[in-house]
Amino acid sequence: SPSISCISVTVASASHTLVVTGPKNTPVHIVHVEAAQYLGTFELGAYEANDILSFASYSAVIGESGTVSVPITLKRTVSEGGYNVVFAASTSGVATARSYGPVSDTLVFLYRP
Protein backbone atom coordinates (compact mmCIF):
# COMPACT_ATOMS: atom_id res chain seq x y z
CA SER A 1 0.00 0.00 0.00
CA PRO A 2 1.19 3.54 -0.59
CA SER A 3 2.36 5.66 2.30
CA ILE A 4 2.35 9.43 2.44
CA SER A 5 4.39 12.04 4.23
CA CYS A 6 4.83 15.76 4.03
CA ILE A 7 8.12 17.53 3.44
CA SER A 8 6.78 20.88 4.72
CA VAL A 9 5.52 20.93 8.30
CA THR A 10 4.58 24.58 8.76
CA VAL A 11 0.83 24.91 8.37
CA ALA A 12 1.02 28.70 8.26
CA SER A 13 2.22 28.21 4.67
CA ALA A 14 -0.13 27.14 1.87
CA SER A 15 2.48 25.43 -0.32
CA HIS A 16 3.52 21.91 0.60
CA THR A 17 5.02 18.88 -1.09
CA LEU A 18 3.64 15.44 -0.32
CA VAL A 19 5.94 12.48 -0.76
CA VAL A 20 4.14 9.25 -1.63
CA THR A 21 6.15 6.04 -1.29
CA GLY A 22 5.40 2.58 -2.59
CA PRO A 23 6.38 0.04 -5.22
CA LYS A 24 8.02 1.63 -8.27
CA ASN A 25 5.84 2.32 -11.30
CA THR A 26 2.65 2.18 -9.21
CA PRO A 27 -0.02 4.69 -10.29
CA VAL A 28 -1.46 6.60 -7.32
CA HIS A 29 -4.38 8.95 -6.85
CA ILE A 30 -4.05 11.73 -4.24
CA VAL A 31 -7.27 13.12 -2.74
CA HIS A 32 -7.28 16.59 -1.13
CA VAL A 33 -10.40 17.87 0.65
CA GLU A 34 -10.85 21.21 2.37
CA ALA A 35 -13.33 20.93 5.22
CA ALA A 36 -14.77 23.24 7.88
CA GLN A 37 -15.67 22.88 11.52
CA TYR A 38 -19.07 24.40 12.21
CA LEU A 39 -19.88 24.16 15.88
CA GLY A 40 -23.38 23.03 16.73
CA THR A 41 -25.13 20.69 19.08
CA PHE A 42 -22.31 18.15 19.24
CA GLU A 43 -18.66 18.51 20.13
CA LEU A 44 -15.86 18.04 17.59
CA GLY A 45 -12.23 17.23 18.26
CA ALA A 46 -9.39 19.62 17.46
CA TYR A 47 -8.75 18.17 13.97
CA GLU A 48 -12.29 17.09 13.11
CA ALA A 49 -14.54 18.82 10.62
CA ASN A 50 -18.18 18.41 9.69
CA ASP A 51 -18.55 20.03 6.26
CA ILE A 52 -16.70 19.55 2.97
CA LEU A 53 -15.92 22.82 1.17
CA SER A 54 -13.85 21.67 -1.80
CA PHE A 55 -12.37 18.57 -3.38
CA ALA A 56 -9.32 18.11 -5.59
CA SER A 57 -7.53 15.03 -6.86
CA TYR A 58 -4.17 14.43 -8.50
CA SER A 59 -2.71 11.47 -10.37
CA ALA A 60 0.95 10.48 -10.23
CA VAL A 61 3.18 7.46 -10.76
CA ILE A 62 5.69 6.31 -8.16
CA GLY A 63 9.14 6.53 -9.72
CA GLU A 64 12.12 4.19 -9.86
CA SER A 65 13.25 5.47 -6.44
CA GLY A 66 9.99 4.28 -4.85
CA THR A 67 8.70 7.83 -4.29
CA VAL A 68 6.83 10.57 -6.08
CA SER A 69 6.58 14.20 -4.91
CA VAL A 70 3.26 15.96 -5.39
CA PRO A 71 2.88 19.70 -4.75
CA ILE A 72 -0.36 20.78 -3.07
CA THR A 73 -1.74 24.12 -1.99
CA LEU A 74 -3.65 24.15 1.28
CA LYS A 75 -6.91 26.07 1.35
CA ARG A 76 -8.88 28.13 3.82
CA THR A 77 -11.86 29.54 1.94
CA VAL A 78 -13.91 30.50 5.02
CA SER A 79 -12.90 31.34 8.58
CA GLU A 80 -14.27 27.99 9.85
CA GLY A 81 -12.36 26.14 7.12
CA GLY A 82 -8.72 25.28 6.62
CA TYR A 83 -9.02 21.60 7.58
CA ASN A 84 -7.08 20.06 4.68
CA VAL A 85 -7.49 16.29 4.55
CA VAL A 86 -5.14 14.36 2.24
CA PHE A 87 -4.65 10.68 1.42
CA ALA A 88 -3.30 8.54 -1.42
CA ALA A 89 -4.52 5.29 -2.99
CA SER A 90 -2.90 3.00 -5.51
CA THR A 91 -4.91 2.80 -8.74
CA SER A 92 -5.24 0.75 -11.87
CA GLY A 93 -7.22 1.18 -15.07
CA VAL A 94 -8.42 4.30 -16.83
CA ALA A 95 -10.37 7.15 -15.25
CA THR A 96 -13.75 5.82 -16.45
CA ALA A 97 -13.18 2.32 -15.03
CA ARG A 98 -10.58 2.92 -12.33
CA SER A 99 -10.19 0.55 -9.44
CA TYR A 100 -8.52 1.56 -6.21
CA GLY A 101 -6.15 -0.45 -4.10
CA PRO A 102 -4.82 0.12 -0.60
CA VAL A 103 -5.12 3.61 0.89
CA SER A 104 -2.43 5.49 2.83
CA ASP A 105 -2.87 7.04 6.25
CA THR A 106 -4.91 10.24 6.23
CA LEU A 107 -3.13 13.51 6.93
CA VAL A 108 -4.98 16.51 8.36
CA PHE A 109 -3.39 19.94 8.02
CA LEU A 110 -5.05 22.76 9.91
CA TYR A 111 -4.11 25.74 7.73
CA ARG A 112 -4.01 28.99 9.67
CA PRO A 113 -2.10 31.65 7.65
C-alpha atoms as a PDB file:
ATOM      1  CA  SER A   1       0.000   0.000   0.000  1.00  0.00           C
ATOM      2  CA  PRO A   2       1.190   3.539  -0.591  1.00  0.00           C
ATOM      3  CA  SER A   3       2.355   5.660   2.300  1.00  0.00           C
ATOM      4  CA  ILE A   4       2.352   9.427   2.439  1.00  0.00           C
ATOM      5  CA  SER A   5       4.391  12.041   4.233  1.00  0.00           C
ATOM      6  CA  CYS A   6       4.833  15.763   4.034  1.00  0.00           C
ATOM      7  CA  ILE A   7       8.122  17.533   3.442  1.00  0.00           C
ATOM      8  CA  SER A   8       6.782  20.883   4.719  1.00  0.00           C
ATOM      9  CA  VAL A   9       5.516  20.927   8.301  1.00  0.00           C
ATOM     10  CA  THR A  10       4.576  24.585   8.757  1.00  0.00           C
ATOM     11  CA  VAL A  11       0.833  24.915   8.374  1.00  0.00           C
ATOM     12  CA  ALA A  12       1.019  28.697   8.256  1.00  0.00           C
ATOM     13  CA  SER A  13       2.224  28.212   4.666  1.00  0.00           C
ATOM     14  CA  ALA A  14      -0.132  27.141   1.867  1.00  0.00           C
ATOM     15  CA  SER A  15       2.483  25.435  -0.323  1.00  0.00           C
ATOM     16  CA  HIS A  16       3.516  21.908   0.604  1.00  0.00           C
ATOM     17  CA  THR A  17       5.024  18.881  -1.086  1.00  0.00           C
ATOM     18  CA  LEU A  18       3.638  15.444  -0.324  1.00  0.00           C
ATOM     19  CA  VAL A  19       5.940  12.483  -0.759  1.00  0.00           C
ATOM     20  CA  VAL A  20       4.138   9.252  -1.632  1.00  0.00           C
ATOM     21  CA  THR A  21       6.146   6.037  -1.295  1.00  0.00           C
ATOM     22  CA  GLY A  22       5.395   2.580  -2.588  1.00  0.00           C
ATOM     23  CA  PRO A  23       6.384   0.040  -5.217  1.00  0.00           C
ATOM     24  CA  LYS A  24       8.021   1.630  -8.269  1.00  0.00           C
ATOM     25  CA  ASN A  25       5.843   2.317 -11.303  1.00  0.00           C
ATOM     26  CA  THR A  26       2.645   2.178  -9.211  1.00  0.00           C
ATOM     27  CA  PRO A  27      -0.023   4.686 -10.293  1.00  0.00           C
ATOM     28  CA  VAL A  28      -1.456   6.600  -7.324  1.00  0.00           C
ATOM     29  CA  HIS A  29      -4.376   8.951  -6.848  1.00  0.00           C
ATOM     30  CA  ILE A  30      -4.054  11.726  -4.245  1.00  0.00           C
ATOM     31  CA  VAL A  31      -7.265  13.119  -2.737  1.00  0.00           C
ATOM     32  CA  HIS A  32      -7.282  16.591  -1.131  1.00  0.00           C
ATOM     33  CA  VAL A  33     -10.401  17.868   0.649  1.00  0.00           C
ATOM     34  CA  GLU A  34     -10.855  21.211   2.374  1.00  0.00           C
ATOM     35  CA  ALA A  35     -13.330  20.935   5.221  1.00  0.00           C
ATOM     36  CA  ALA A  36     -14.773  23.236   7.877  1.00  0.00           C
ATOM     37  CA  GLN A  37     -15.665  22.877  11.522  1.00  0.00           C
ATOM     38  CA  TYR A  38     -19.066  24.401  12.209  1.00  0.00           C
ATOM     39  CA  LEU A  39     -19.882  24.156  15.884  1.00  0.00           C
ATOM     40  CA  GLY A  40     -23.379  23.027  16.730  1.00  0.00           C
ATOM     41  CA  THR A  41     -25.131  20.695  19.082  1.00  0.00           C
ATOM     42  CA  PHE A  42     -22.310  18.146  19.239  1.00  0.00           C
ATOM     43  CA  GLU A  43     -18.663  18.513  20.131  1.00  0.00           C
ATOM     44  CA  LEU A  44     -15.862  18.038  17.594  1.00  0.00           C
ATOM     45  CA  GLY A  45     -12.227  17.226  18.264  1.00  0.00           C
ATOM     46  CA  ALA A  46      -9.391  19.616  17.463  1.00  0.00           C
ATOM     47  CA  TYR A  47      -8.752  18.170  13.972  1.00  0.00           C
ATOM     48  CA  GLU A  48     -12.285  17.087  13.110  1.00  0.00           C
ATOM     49  CA  ALA A  49     -14.537  18.820  10.615  1.00  0.00           C
ATOM     50  CA  ASN A  50     -18.178  18.407   9.693  1.00  0.00           C
ATOM     51  CA  ASP A  51     -18.551  20.025   6.259  1.00  0.00           C
ATOM     52  CA  ILE A  52     -16.701  19.554   2.968  1.00  0.00           C
ATOM     53  CA  LEU A  53     -15.921  22.816   1.173  1.00  0.00           C
ATOM     54  CA  SER A  54     -13.847  21.672  -1.803  1.00  0.00           C
ATOM     55  CA  PHE A  55     -12.373  18.568  -3.379  1.00  0.00           C
ATOM     56  CA  ALA A  56      -9.318  18.109  -5.591  1.00  0.00           C
ATOM     57  CA  SER A  57      -7.530  15.034  -6.865  1.00  0.00           C
ATOM     58  CA  TYR A  58      -4.174  14.434  -8.497  1.00  0.00           C
ATOM     59  CA  SER A  59      -2.714  11.468 -10.366  1.00  0.00           C
ATOM     60  CA  ALA A  60       0.947  10.475 -10.234  1.00  0.00           C
ATOM     61  CA  VAL A  61       3.182   7.461 -10.764  1.00  0.00           C
ATOM     62  CA  ILE A  62       5.689   6.314  -8.161  1.00  0.00           C
ATOM     63  CA  GLY A  63       9.144   6.531  -9.724  1.00  0.00           C
ATOM     64  CA  GLU A  64      12.117   4.191  -9.859  1.00  0.00           C
ATOM     65  CA  SER A  65      13.248   5.475  -6.438  1.00  0.00           C
ATOM     66  CA  GLY A  66       9.989   4.278  -4.853  1.00  0.00           C
ATOM     67  CA  THR A  67       8.700   7.826  -4.295  1.00  0.00           C
ATOM     68  CA  VAL A  68       6.826  10.573  -6.077  1.00  0.00           C
ATOM     69  CA  SER A  69       6.585  14.203  -4.911  1.00  0.00           C
ATOM     70  CA  VAL A  70       3.260  15.956  -5.387  1.00  0.00           C
ATOM     71  CA  PRO A  71       2.881  19.701  -4.747  1.00  0.00           C
ATOM     72  CA  ILE A  72      -0.363  20.781  -3.073  1.00  0.00           C
ATOM     73  CA  THR A  73      -1.743  24.124  -1.988  1.00  0.00           C
ATOM     74  CA  LEU A  74      -3.649  24.152   1.284  1.00  0.00           C
ATOM     75  CA  LYS A  75      -6.913  26.065   1.354  1.00  0.00           C
ATOM     76  CA  ARG A  76      -8.876  28.130   3.818  1.00  0.00           C
ATOM     77  CA  THR A  77     -11.856  29.545   1.938  1.00  0.00           C
ATOM     78  CA  VAL A  78     -13.912  30.505   5.023  1.00  0.00           C
ATOM     79  CA  SER A  79     -12.905  31.338   8.584  1.00  0.00           C
ATOM     80  CA  GLU A  80     -14.268  27.994   9.855  1.00  0.00           C
ATOM     81  CA  GLY A  81     -12.355  26.136   7.118  1.00  0.00           C
ATOM     82  CA  GLY A  82      -8.725  25.283   6.623  1.00  0.00           C
ATOM     83  CA  TYR A  83      -9.018  21.603   7.580  1.00  0.00           C
ATOM     84  CA  ASN A  84      -7.083  20.063   4.682  1.00  0.00           C
ATOM     85  CA  VAL A  85      -7.491  16.289   4.553  1.00  0.00           C
ATOM     86  CA  VAL A  86      -5.138  14.359   2.240  1.00  0.00           C
ATOM     87  CA  PHE A  87      -4.654  10.682   1.420  1.00  0.00           C
ATOM     88  CA  ALA A  88      -3.300   8.537  -1.419  1.00  0.00           C
ATOM     89  CA  ALA A  89      -4.516   5.293  -2.988  1.00  0.00           C
ATOM     90  CA  SER A  90      -2.903   2.998  -5.513  1.00  0.00           C
ATOM     91  CA  THR A  91      -4.910   2.799  -8.744  1.00  0.00           C
ATOM     92  CA  SER A  92      -5.237   0.755 -11.871  1.00  0.00           C
ATOM     93  CA  GLY A  93      -7.225   1.175 -15.067  1.00  0.00           C
ATOM     94  CA  VAL A  94      -8.423   4.300 -16.826  1.00  0.00           C
ATOM     95  CA  ALA A  95     -10.374   7.146 -15.249  1.00  0.00           C
ATOM     96  CA  THR A  96     -13.745   5.817 -16.453  1.00  0.00           C
ATOM     97  CA  ALA A  97     -13.179   2.323 -15.032  1.00  0.00           C
ATOM     98  CA  ARG A  98     -10.578   2.922 -12.333  1.00  0.00           C
ATOM     99  CA  SER A  99     -10.194   0.546  -9.442  1.00  0.00           C
ATOM    100  CA  TYR A 100      -8.525   1.564  -6.210  1.00  0.00           C
ATOM    101  CA  GLY A 101      -6.147  -0.451  -4.100  1.00  0.00           C
ATOM    102  CA  PRO A 102      -4.822   0.117  -0.600  1.00  0.00           C
ATOM    103  CA  VAL A 103      -5.121   3.606   0.893  1.00  0.00           C
ATOM    104  CA  SER A 104      -2.433   5.488   2.835  1.00  0.00           C
ATOM    105  CA  ASP A 105      -2.872   7.037   6.250  1.00  0.00           C
ATOM    106  CA  THR A 106      -4.911  10.238   6.227  1.00  0.00           C
ATOM    107  CA  LEU A 107      -3.126  13.510   6.932  1.00  0.00           C
ATOM    108  CA  VAL A 108      -4.975  16.509   8.355  1.00  0.00           C
ATOM    109  CA  PHE A 109      -3.392  19.937   8.019  1.00  0.00           C
ATOM    110  CA  LEU A 110      -5.054  22.756   9.915  1.00  0.00           C
ATOM    111  CA  TYR A 111      -4.113  25.738   7.732  1.00  0.00           C
ATOM    112  CA  ARG A 112      -4.014  28.995   9.666  1.00  0.00           C
ATOM    113  CA  PRO A 113      -2.095  31.647   7.654  1.00  0.00           C
END
